[in-house]
PDB file of N, CA and C in Angstrom:
ATOM      1  N   MET A   1     114.705  99.247  81.803  1.00  0.00           N
ATOM      2  CA  MET A   1     113.423  98.890  82.338  1.00  0.00           C
ATOM      3  C   MET A   1     112.676 100.167  82.668  1.00  0.00           C
ATOM      4  N   ARG A   2     111.448 100.226  82.277  1.00  0.00           N
ATOM      5  CA  ARG A   2     110.633 101.401  82.524  1.00  0.00           C
ATOM      6  C   ARG A   2     109.692 101.117  83.689  1.00  0.00           C
ATOM      7  N   VAL A   3     109.619 102.041  84.633  1.00  0.00           N
ATOM      8  CA  VAL A   3     108.773 101.868  85.806  1.00  0.00           C
ATOM      9  C   VAL A   3     107.674 102.914  85.756  1.00  0.00           C
ATOM     10  N   ALA A   4     106.437 102.456  85.803  1.00  0.00           N
ATOM     11  CA  ALA A   4     105.304 103.386  85.793  1.00  0.00           C
ATOM     12  C   ALA A   4     105.246 104.105  87.132  1.00  0.00           C
ATOM     13  N   PRO A   5     105.192 105.447  87.137  1.00  0.00           N
ATOM     14  CA  PRO A   5     105.190 106.178  88.399  1.00  0.00           C
ATOM     15  C   PRO A   5     104.014 105.826  89.301  1.00  0.00           C
ATOM     16  N   SER A   6     102.885 105.478  88.740  1.00  0.00           N
ATOM     17  CA  SER A   6     101.716 105.168  89.562  1.00  0.00           C
ATOM     18  C   SER A   6     101.864 103.829  90.284  1.00  0.00           C
ATOM     19  N   ARG A   7     102.729 102.954  89.800  1.00  0.00           N
ATOM     20  CA  ARG A   7     102.890 101.633  90.402  1.00  0.00           C
ATOM     21  C   ARG A   7     104.036 101.577  91.398  1.00  0.00           C
ATOM     22  N   CYS A   8     104.934 102.531  91.349  1.00  0.00           N
ATOM     23  CA  CYS A   8     106.113 102.476  92.204  1.00  0.00           C
ATOM     24  C   CYS A   8     106.412 103.858  92.766  1.00  0.00           C
ATOM     25  N   LYS A   9     106.450 103.929  94.076  1.00  0.00           N
ATOM     26  CA  LYS A   9     106.713 105.204  94.722  1.00  0.00           C
ATOM     27  C   LYS A   9     108.208 105.425  94.947  1.00  0.00           C
ATOM     28  N   CYS A  10     108.941 104.356  95.202  1.00  0.00           N
ATOM     29  CA  CYS A  10     110.364 104.457  95.515  1.00  0.00           C
ATOM     30  C   CYS A  10     111.193 103.888  94.373  1.00  0.00           C
ATOM     31  N   ILE A  11     112.245 104.582  94.029  1.00  0.00           N
ATOM     32  CA  ILE A  11     113.135 104.132  92.961  1.00  0.00           C
ATOM     33  C   ILE A  11     114.552 104.005  93.528  1.00  0.00           C
ATOM     34  N   TYR A  12     115.195 102.904  93.239  1.00  0.00           N
ATOM     35  CA  TYR A  12     116.590 102.685  93.613  1.00  0.00           C
ATOM     36  C   TYR A  12     117.424 102.865  92.359  1.00  0.00           C
ATOM     37  N   ILE A  13     118.408 103.745  92.420  1.00  0.00           N
ATOM     38  CA  ILE A  13     119.253 104.010  91.259  1.00  0.00           C
ATOM     39  C   ILE A  13     120.652 103.497  91.554  1.00  0.00           C
ATOM     40  N   ASN A  14     121.176 102.725  90.615  1.00  0.00           N
ATOM     41  CA  ASN A  14     122.507 102.153  90.769  1.00  0.00           C
ATOM     42  C   ASN A  14     123.241 102.302  89.437  1.00  0.00           C
ATOM     43  N   TRP A  15     124.484 102.698  89.495  1.00  0.00           N
ATOM     44  CA  TRP A  15     125.286 102.743  88.280  1.00  0.00           C
ATOM     45  C   TRP A  15     126.689 102.281  88.598  1.00  0.00           C
ATOM     46  N   SER A  16     127.358 101.827  87.567  1.00  0.00           N
ATOM     47  CA  SER A  16     128.738 101.372  87.771  1.00  0.00           C
ATOM     48  C   SER A  16     129.671 102.572  87.695  1.00  0.00           C
ATOM     49  N   ASN A  17     130.678 102.558  88.541  1.00  0.00           N
ATOM     50  CA  ASN A  17     131.654 103.643  88.568  1.00  0.00           C
ATOM     51  C   ASN A  17     132.992 103.155  88.042  1.00  0.00           C
ATOM     52  N   LYS A  18     133.692 104.054  87.394  1.00  0.00           N
ATOM     53  CA  LYS A  18     135.068 103.795  86.975  1.00  0.00           C
ATOM     54  C   LYS A  18     135.876 104.999  87.434  1.00  0.00           C
ATOM     55  N   ASN A  19     136.774 104.758  88.364  1.00  0.00           N
ATOM     56  CA  ASN A  19     137.611 105.824  88.913  1.00  0.00           C
ATOM     57  C   ASN A  19     136.774 106.946  89.532  1.00  0.00           C
ATOM     58  N   GLY A  20     135.661 106.574  90.149  1.00  0.00           N
ATOM     59  CA  GLY A  20     134.823 107.558  90.829  1.00  0.00           C
ATOM     60  C   GLY A  20     133.910 108.358  89.917  1.00  0.00           C
ATOM     61  N   VAL A  21     133.927 108.067  88.616  1.00  0.00           N
ATOM     62  CA  VAL A  21     133.080 108.798  87.675  1.00  0.00           C
ATOM     63  C   VAL A  21     131.900 107.910  87.291  1.00  0.00           C
ATOM     64  N   PRO A  22     130.666 108.400  87.452  1.00  0.00           N
ATOM     65  CA  PRO A  22     129.509 107.562  87.089  1.00  0.00           C
ATOM     66  C   PRO A  22     129.513 107.200  85.611  1.00  0.00           C
ATOM     67  N   ASP A  23     129.182 105.961  85.334  1.00  0.00           N
ATOM     68  CA  ASP A  23     129.042 105.484  83.961  1.00  0.00           C
ATOM     69  C   ASP A  23     127.543 105.432  83.679  1.00  0.00           C
ATOM     70  N   TRP A  24     127.010 106.469  83.080  1.00  0.00           N
ATOM     71  CA  TRP A  24     125.563 106.585  82.905  1.00  0.00           C
ATOM     72  C   TRP A  24     125.000 105.555  81.947  1.00  0.00           C
ATOM     73  N   GLN A  25     125.839 104.925  81.122  1.00  0.00           N
ATOM     74  CA  GLN A  25     125.335 103.872  80.246  1.00  0.00           C
ATOM     75  C   GLN A  25     125.023 102.606  81.039  1.00  0.00           C
ATOM     76  N   GLY A  26     125.619 102.478  82.241  1.00  0.00           N
ATOM     77  CA  GLY A  26     125.345 101.327  83.091  1.00  0.00           C
ATOM     78  C   GLY A  26     124.216 101.584  84.087  1.00  0.00           C
ATOM     79  N   LEU A  27     123.458 102.661  83.864  1.00  0.00           N
ATOM     80  CA  LEU A  27     122.395 103.050  84.792  1.00  0.00           C
ATOM     81  C   LEU A  27     121.313 101.980  84.857  1.00  0.00           C
ATOM     82  N   VAL A  28     120.979 101.580  86.077  1.00  0.00           N
ATOM     83  CA  VAL A  28     119.912 100.610  86.304  1.00  0.00           C
ATOM     84  C   VAL A  28     118.916 101.239  87.259  1.00  0.00           C
ATOM     85  N   ILE A  29     117.665 101.298  86.871  1.00  0.00           N
ATOM     86  CA  ILE A  29     116.616 101.817  87.744  1.00  0.00           C
ATOM     87  C   ILE A  29     115.629 100.691  87.994  1.00  0.00           C
ATOM     88  N   ARG A  30     115.394 100.415  89.283  1.00  0.00           N
ATOM     89  CA  ARG A  30     114.447  99.367  89.623  1.00  0.00           C
ATOM     90  C   ARG A  30     113.675  99.792  90.868  1.00  0.00           C
ATOM     91  N   PRO A  31     112.453  99.335  90.995  1.00  0.00           N
ATOM     92  CA  PRO A  31     111.678  99.721  92.171  1.00  0.00           C
ATOM     93  C   PRO A  31     112.254  99.092  93.432  1.00  0.00           C
ATOM     94  N   MET A  32     112.214  99.854  94.537  1.00  0.00           N
ATOM     95  CA  MET A  32     112.637  99.297  95.815  1.00  0.00           C
ATOM     96  C   MET A  32     111.570  98.333  96.305  1.00  0.00           C
ATOM     97  N   GLN A  33     111.985  97.297  96.972  1.00  0.00           N
ATOM     98  CA  GLN A  33     111.057  96.300  97.481  1.00  0.00           C
ATOM     99  C   GLN A  33     110.793  96.566  98.954  1.00  0.00           C
ATOM    100  N   LYS A  34     110.540  97.810  99.272  1.00  0.00           N
ATOM    101  CA  LYS A  34     110.303  98.204 100.652  1.00  0.00           C
ATOM    102  C   LYS A  34     108.894  97.805 101.068  1.00  0.00           C
ATOM    103  N   ARG A  35     108.781  97.284 102.307  1.00  0.00           N
ATOM    104  CA  ARG A  35     107.450  97.004 102.841  1.00  0.00           C
ATOM    105  C   ARG A  35     107.358  97.599 104.233  1.00  0.00           C
ATOM    106  N   ILE A  36     106.186  98.101 104.555  1.00  0.00           N
ATOM    107  CA  ILE A  36     105.955  98.711 105.857  1.00  0.00           C
ATOM    108  C   ILE A  36     105.644  97.610 106.855  1.00  0.00           C
ATOM    109  N   ILE A  37     106.390  97.592 107.955  1.00  0.00           N
ATOM    110  CA  ILE A  37     106.182  96.607 109.006  1.00  0.00           C
ATOM    111  C   ILE A  37     105.290  97.205 110.104  1.00  0.00           C
ATOM    112  N   VAL A  38     105.637  98.403 110.588  1.00  0.00           N
ATOM    113  CA  VAL A  38     104.886  99.069 111.649  1.00  0.00           C
ATOM    114  C   VAL A  38     104.648 100.513 111.239  1.00  0.00           C
ATOM    115  N   LYS A  39     103.388 100.899 111.102  1.00  0.00           N
ATOM    116  CA  LYS A  39     103.022 102.280 110.801  1.00  0.00           C
ATOM    117  C   LYS A  39     102.819 103.015 112.126  1.00  0.00           C
ATOM    118  N   ILE A  40     103.393 104.202 112.256  1.00  0.00           N
ATOM    119  CA  ILE A  40     103.301 104.983 113.483  1.00  0.00           C
ATOM    120  C   ILE A  40     102.474 106.236 113.215  1.00  0.00           C
ATOM    121  N   LYS A  41     101.537 106.522 114.112  1.00  0.00           N
ATOM    122  CA  LYS A  41     100.728 107.734 113.968  1.00  0.00           C
ATOM    123  C   LYS A  41     101.625 108.956 114.124  1.00  0.00           C
ATOM    124  N   ARG A  42     101.434 109.939 113.254  1.00  0.00           N
ATOM    125  CA  ARG A  42     102.241 111.159 113.330  1.00  0.00           C
ATOM    126  C   ARG A  42     101.812 112.031 114.511  1.00  0.00           C
ATOM    127  N   ASP A  43     100.526 112.141 114.731  1.00  0.00           N
ATOM    128  CA  ASP A  43     100.008 113.015 115.779  1.00  0.00           C
ATOM    129  C   ASP A  43      99.511 112.181 116.950  1.00  0.00           C
ATOM    130  N   GLY A  44      99.844 112.599 118.140  1.00  0.00           N
ATOM    131  CA  GLY A  44      99.317 111.964 119.330  1.00  0.00           C
ATOM    132  C   GLY A  44      99.944 110.634 119.694  1.00  0.00           C
ATOM    133  N   THR A  45     101.070 110.285 119.094  1.00  0.00           N
ATOM    134  CA  THR A  45     101.697 109.021 119.456  1.00  0.00           C
ATOM    135  C   THR A  45     102.359 109.150 120.827  1.00  0.00           C
ATOM    136  N   GLU A  46     102.287 108.096 121.594  1.00  0.00           N
ATOM    137  CA  GLU A  46     102.909 108.095 122.910  1.00  0.00           C
ATOM    138  C   GLU A  46     104.184 107.259 122.915  1.00  0.00           C
ATOM    139  N   LEU A  47     104.649 106.854 121.736  1.00  0.00           N
ATOM    140  CA  LEU A  47     105.886 106.086 121.641  1.00  0.00           C
ATOM    141  C   LEU A  47     107.081 107.011 121.845  1.00  0.00           C
ATOM    142  N   SER A  48     108.035 106.534 122.599  1.00  0.00           N
ATOM    143  CA  SER A  48     109.277 107.284 122.748  1.00  0.00           C
ATOM    144  C   SER A  48     110.259 106.833 121.666  1.00  0.00           C
ATOM    145  N   LEU A  49     111.290 107.621 121.472  1.00  0.00           N
ATOM    146  CA  LEU A  49     112.335 107.248 120.512  1.00  0.00           C
ATOM    147  C   LEU A  49     112.966 105.920 120.913  1.00  0.00           C
ATOM    148  N   ARG A  50     113.182 105.712 122.210  1.00  0.00           N
ATOM    149  CA  ARG A  50     113.773 104.466 122.704  1.00  0.00           C
ATOM    150  C   ARG A  50     112.905 103.273 122.326  1.00  0.00           C
ATOM    151  N   GLU A  51     111.571 103.396 122.430  1.00  0.00           N
ATOM    152  CA  GLU A  51     110.666 102.294 122.075  1.00  0.00           C
ATOM    153  C   GLU A  51     110.738 101.980 120.586  1.00  0.00           C
ATOM    154  N   VAL A  52     110.837 103.022 119.766  1.00  0.00           N
ATOM    155  CA  VAL A  52     110.947 102.813 118.318  1.00  0.00           C
ATOM    156  C   VAL A  52     112.262 102.109 117.993  1.00  0.00           C
ATOM    157  N   LEU A  53     113.357 102.565 118.595  1.00  0.00           N
ATOM    158  CA  LEU A  53     114.657 101.940 118.345  1.00  0.00           C
ATOM    159  C   LEU A  53     114.701 100.497 118.843  1.00  0.00           C
ATOM    160  N   ASP A  54     114.060 100.244 119.996  1.00  0.00           N
ATOM    161  CA  ASP A  54     113.988  98.868 120.500  1.00  0.00           C
ATOM    162  C   ASP A  54     113.204  97.967 119.554  1.00  0.00           C
ATOM    163  N   LYS A  55     112.123  98.491 118.985  1.00  0.00           N
ATOM    164  CA  LYS A  55     111.311  97.713 118.034  1.00  0.00           C
ATOM    165  C   LYS A  55     112.113  97.430 116.763  1.00  0.00           C
ATOM    166  N   ILE A  56     112.871  98.411 116.296  1.00  0.00           N
ATOM    167  CA  ILE A  56     113.711  98.199 115.114  1.00  0.00           C
ATOM    168  C   ILE A  56     114.741  97.106 115.401  1.00  0.00           C
ATOM    169  N   LYS A  57     115.377  97.152 116.566  1.00  0.00           N
ATOM    170  CA  LYS A  57     116.367  96.123 116.939  1.00  0.00           C
ATOM    171  C   LYS A  57     115.722  94.746 117.002  1.00  0.00           C
ATOM    172  N   GLU A  58     114.528  94.667 117.591  1.00  0.00           N
ATOM    173  CA  GLU A  58     113.802  93.395 117.675  1.00  0.00           C
ATOM    174  C   GLU A  58     113.499  92.841 116.286  1.00  0.00           C
ATOM    175  N   LEU A  59     113.058  93.713 115.388  1.00  0.00           N
ATOM    176  CA  LEU A  59     112.746  93.279 114.020  1.00  0.00           C
ATOM    177  C   LEU A  59     114.020  92.889 113.260  1.00  0.00           C
ATOM    178  N   GLN A  60     115.121  93.583 113.509  1.00  0.00           N
ATOM    179  CA  GLN A  60     116.386  93.217 112.862  1.00  0.00           C
ATOM    180  C   GLN A  60     116.820  91.819 113.284  1.00  0.00           C
ATOM    181  N   ASP A  61     116.578  91.476 114.547  1.00  0.00           N
ATOM    182  CA  ASP A  61     116.917  90.129 115.020  1.00  0.00           C
ATOM    183  C   ASP A  61     115.997  89.076 114.405  1.00  0.00           C
ATOM    184  N   GLN A  62     114.723  89.430 114.197  1.00  0.00           N
ATOM    185  CA  GLN A  62     113.752  88.488 113.629  1.00  0.00           C
ATOM    186  C   GLN A  62     113.914  88.330 112.120  1.00  0.00           C
ATOM    187  N   LEU A  63     114.421  89.366 111.451  1.00  0.00           N
ATOM    188  CA  LEU A  63     114.543  89.367 109.985  1.00  0.00           C
ATOM    189  C   LEU A  63     116.002  89.574 109.577  1.00  0.00           C
ATOM    190  N   PRO A  64     116.863  88.574 109.773  1.00  0.00           N
ATOM    191  CA  PRO A  64     118.292  88.771 109.499  1.00  0.00           C
ATOM    192  C   PRO A  64     118.629  88.980 108.022  1.00  0.00           C
ATOM    193  N   ASP A  65     117.753  88.569 107.113  1.00  0.00           N
ATOM    194  CA  ASP A  65     118.016  88.726 105.680  1.00  0.00           C
ATOM    195  C   ASP A  65     117.456  90.020 105.116  1.00  0.00           C
ATOM    196  N   GLU A  66     116.986  90.913 105.982  1.00  0.00           N
ATOM    197  CA  GLU A  66     116.395  92.163 105.521  1.00  0.00           C
ATOM    198  C   GLU A  66     116.998  93.348 106.263  1.00  0.00           C
ATOM    199  N   ASP A  67     117.040  94.489 105.573  1.00  0.00           N
ATOM    200  CA  ASP A  67     117.416  95.747 106.203  1.00  0.00           C
ATOM    201  C   ASP A  67     116.155  96.311 106.836  1.00  0.00           C
ATOM    202  N   VAL A  68     116.188  96.578 108.126  1.00  0.00           N
ATOM    203  CA  VAL A  68     115.055  97.167 108.830  1.00  0.00           C
ATOM    204  C   VAL A  68     115.455  98.591 109.183  1.00  0.00           C
ATOM    205  N   PHE A  69     114.584  99.554 108.889  1.00  0.00           N
ATOM    206  CA  PHE A  69     114.925 100.964 109.071  1.00  0.00           C
ATOM    207  C   PHE A  69     113.666 101.787 109.310  1.00  0.00           C
ATOM    208  N   PHE A  70     113.853 102.993 109.836  1.00  0.00           N
ATOM    209  CA  PHE A  70     112.752 103.924 110.012  1.00  0.00           C
ATOM    210  C   PHE A  70     112.696 104.826 108.794  1.00  0.00           C
ATOM    211  N   ASP A  71     111.546 104.904 108.156  1.00  0.00           N
ATOM    212  CA  ASP A  71     111.338 105.767 106.995  1.00  0.00           C
ATOM    213  C   ASP A  71     110.566 106.992 107.471  1.00  0.00           C
ATOM    214  N   GLY A  72     111.232 108.135 107.479  1.00  0.00           N
ATOM    215  CA  GLY A  72     110.608 109.371 107.952  1.00  0.00           C
ATOM    216  C   GLY A  72     109.499 109.870 107.056  1.00  0.00           C
ATOM    217  N   ASP A  73     109.560 109.595 105.750  1.00  0.00           N
ATOM    218  CA  ASP A  73     108.495 110.023 104.841  1.00  0.00           C
ATOM    219  C   ASP A  73     107.208 109.242 105.109  1.00  0.00           C
ATOM    220  N   GLU A  74     107.354 107.949 105.321  1.00  0.00           N
ATOM    221  CA  GLU A  74     106.193 107.092 105.609  1.00  0.00           C
ATOM    222  C   GLU A  74     105.816 107.135 107.087  1.00  0.00           C
ATOM    223  N   TYR A  75     106.742 107.592 107.923  1.00  0.00           N
ATOM    224  CA  TYR A  75     106.610 107.563 109.383  1.00  0.00           C
ATOM    225  C   TYR A  75     106.291 106.144 109.817  1.00  0.00           C
ATOM    226  N   ALA A  76     107.178 105.237 109.414  1.00  0.00           N
ATOM    227  CA  ALA A  76     106.956 103.811 109.653  1.00  0.00           C
ATOM    228  C   ALA A  76     108.296 103.085 109.740  1.00  0.00           C
ATOM    229  N   ILE A  77     108.250 101.932 110.395  1.00  0.00           N
ATOM    230  CA  ILE A  77     109.390 101.025 110.393  1.00  0.00           C
ATOM    231  C   ILE A  77     109.208 100.118 109.180  1.00  0.00           C
ATOM    232  N   CYS A  78     110.209 100.089 108.319  1.00  0.00           N
ATOM    233  CA  CYS A  78     110.111  99.366 107.053  1.00  0.00           C
ATOM    234  C   CYS A  78     111.233  98.337 106.945  1.00  0.00           C
ATOM    235  N   ALA A  79     111.082  97.440 105.982  1.00  0.00           N
ATOM    236  CA  ALA A  79     112.118  96.444 105.691  1.00  0.00           C
ATOM    237  C   ALA A  79     112.224  96.249 104.201  1.00  0.00           C
ATOM    238  N   ARG A  80     113.404  95.871 103.773  1.00  0.00           N
ATOM    239  CA  ARG A  80     113.643  95.529 102.360  1.00  0.00           C
ATOM    240  C   ARG A  80     114.691  94.440 102.324  1.00  0.00           C
ATOM    241  N   PRO A  81     114.677  93.610 101.303  1.00  0.00           N
ATOM    242  CA  PRO A  81     115.669  92.524 101.206  1.00  0.00           C
ATOM    243  C   PRO A  81     117.082  93.100 101.130  1.00  0.00           C
ATOM    244  N   ARG A  82     118.014  92.443 101.795  1.00  0.00           N
ATOM    245  CA  ARG A  82     119.418  92.841 101.695  1.00  0.00           C
ATOM    246  C   ARG A  82     119.935  92.396 100.325  1.00  0.00           C
ATOM    247  N   THR A  83     120.756  93.214  99.756  1.00  0.00           N
ATOM    248  CA  THR A  83     121.390  92.847  98.480  1.00  0.00           C
ATOM    249  C   THR A  83     122.889  92.909  98.671  1.00  0.00           C
ATOM    250  N   ALA A  84     123.577  91.987  98.036  1.00  0.00           N
ATOM    251  CA  ALA A  84     125.038  91.976  98.093  1.00  0.00           C
ATOM    252  C   ALA A  84     125.577  93.143  97.270  1.00  0.00           C
ATOM    253  N   PRO A  85     126.637  93.800  97.722  1.00  0.00           N
ATOM    254  CA  PRO A  85     127.236  94.879  96.946  1.00  0.00           C
ATOM    255  C   PRO A  85     127.700  94.355  95.595  1.00  0.00           C
ATOM    256  N   GLU A  86     127.487  95.164  94.580  1.00  0.00           N
ATOM    257  CA  GLU A  86     127.866  94.754  93.212  1.00  0.00           C
ATOM    258  C   GLU A  86     129.276  95.146  92.917  1.00  0.00           C
TER     259      GLU A  86
END
């Protein structure tokens, strides 16, 4: 599958391993389905780390089928669908 760089900023790379060695023929590249839940201002924010962590915990409780995390590049709390390990 080919992903146009202008349409997708994040790429998730997954490959099958055999004895710890990557099998590059099994390479799968697909866009991450990350969505921004809360955008945080980089400059002048009055949020403490504790408040950010509390908000992440609250969102994790509200969205049990999604991974909720802080993305330092976006400076935002984001979520993406959970996927079962392959």
